[in-house]
Amino acid sequence: MNKNAAAFVLNEEYLEAILGSLDASVVATDKNFLVRYWNKKAEQLFGYSASETVGYHVGNFLKFIYQSGSQEEAREILLRDGNWKDQLYFKNQNNQVLLLDVSVSAVRNKQGESIGFVAIHRDITELDRTKANLSTFLSLISSVGDYFFVVDNELRVVWIDKKSNDN
């Protein structure tokens, strides 16, 4: 790699542009969980600006509701394995409860030592609601005693109720 290419790759403005263009919240901390980076999507998702969070403990801003396990168990797995992933609830500053897909990985230096962590958060609230609605719809359909089928715009059968298929 030539010098110009190396300088381009390490350019802070370029890295900021990459992280800022992601359709996911990116939060990076040091090994003591002090926020070192907070992208625009994190600002939108959590309701705190980067200037409010950088330099402060991430726990001051991100208080998740764990569906299974606990924050202590998540931290133990992260420190042991170098990564952790789950779906968590978060109540934002507008009192909206969001379901987030969260993935956290250790950031390591050239010697392989952990120097911090990076977390990616995706809001999957609408996806979860859609799945719940679909499940309810399928339960209703399965309770129909007669034939039930779904057709597409060209009147091709795309789904037949299992009970109807048995007849």
Foldseek 3Di string as FASTA:
>chain_A
DDPVVVCCVPPPVNVLVVQQPDQWWKWKAWPQQQTQDTHPNNCVPAVDDPVRGHRHHPVVRWDWADPDDDPVVQVVCCVVVQKGWDWIWTQHPVRDIFIKTKIKGFDADPVRDGGIMMMIIDTCRVVVVVVVVVVVVLVVVLPDPEWDFDADPVRDTDGTRPNHVVD
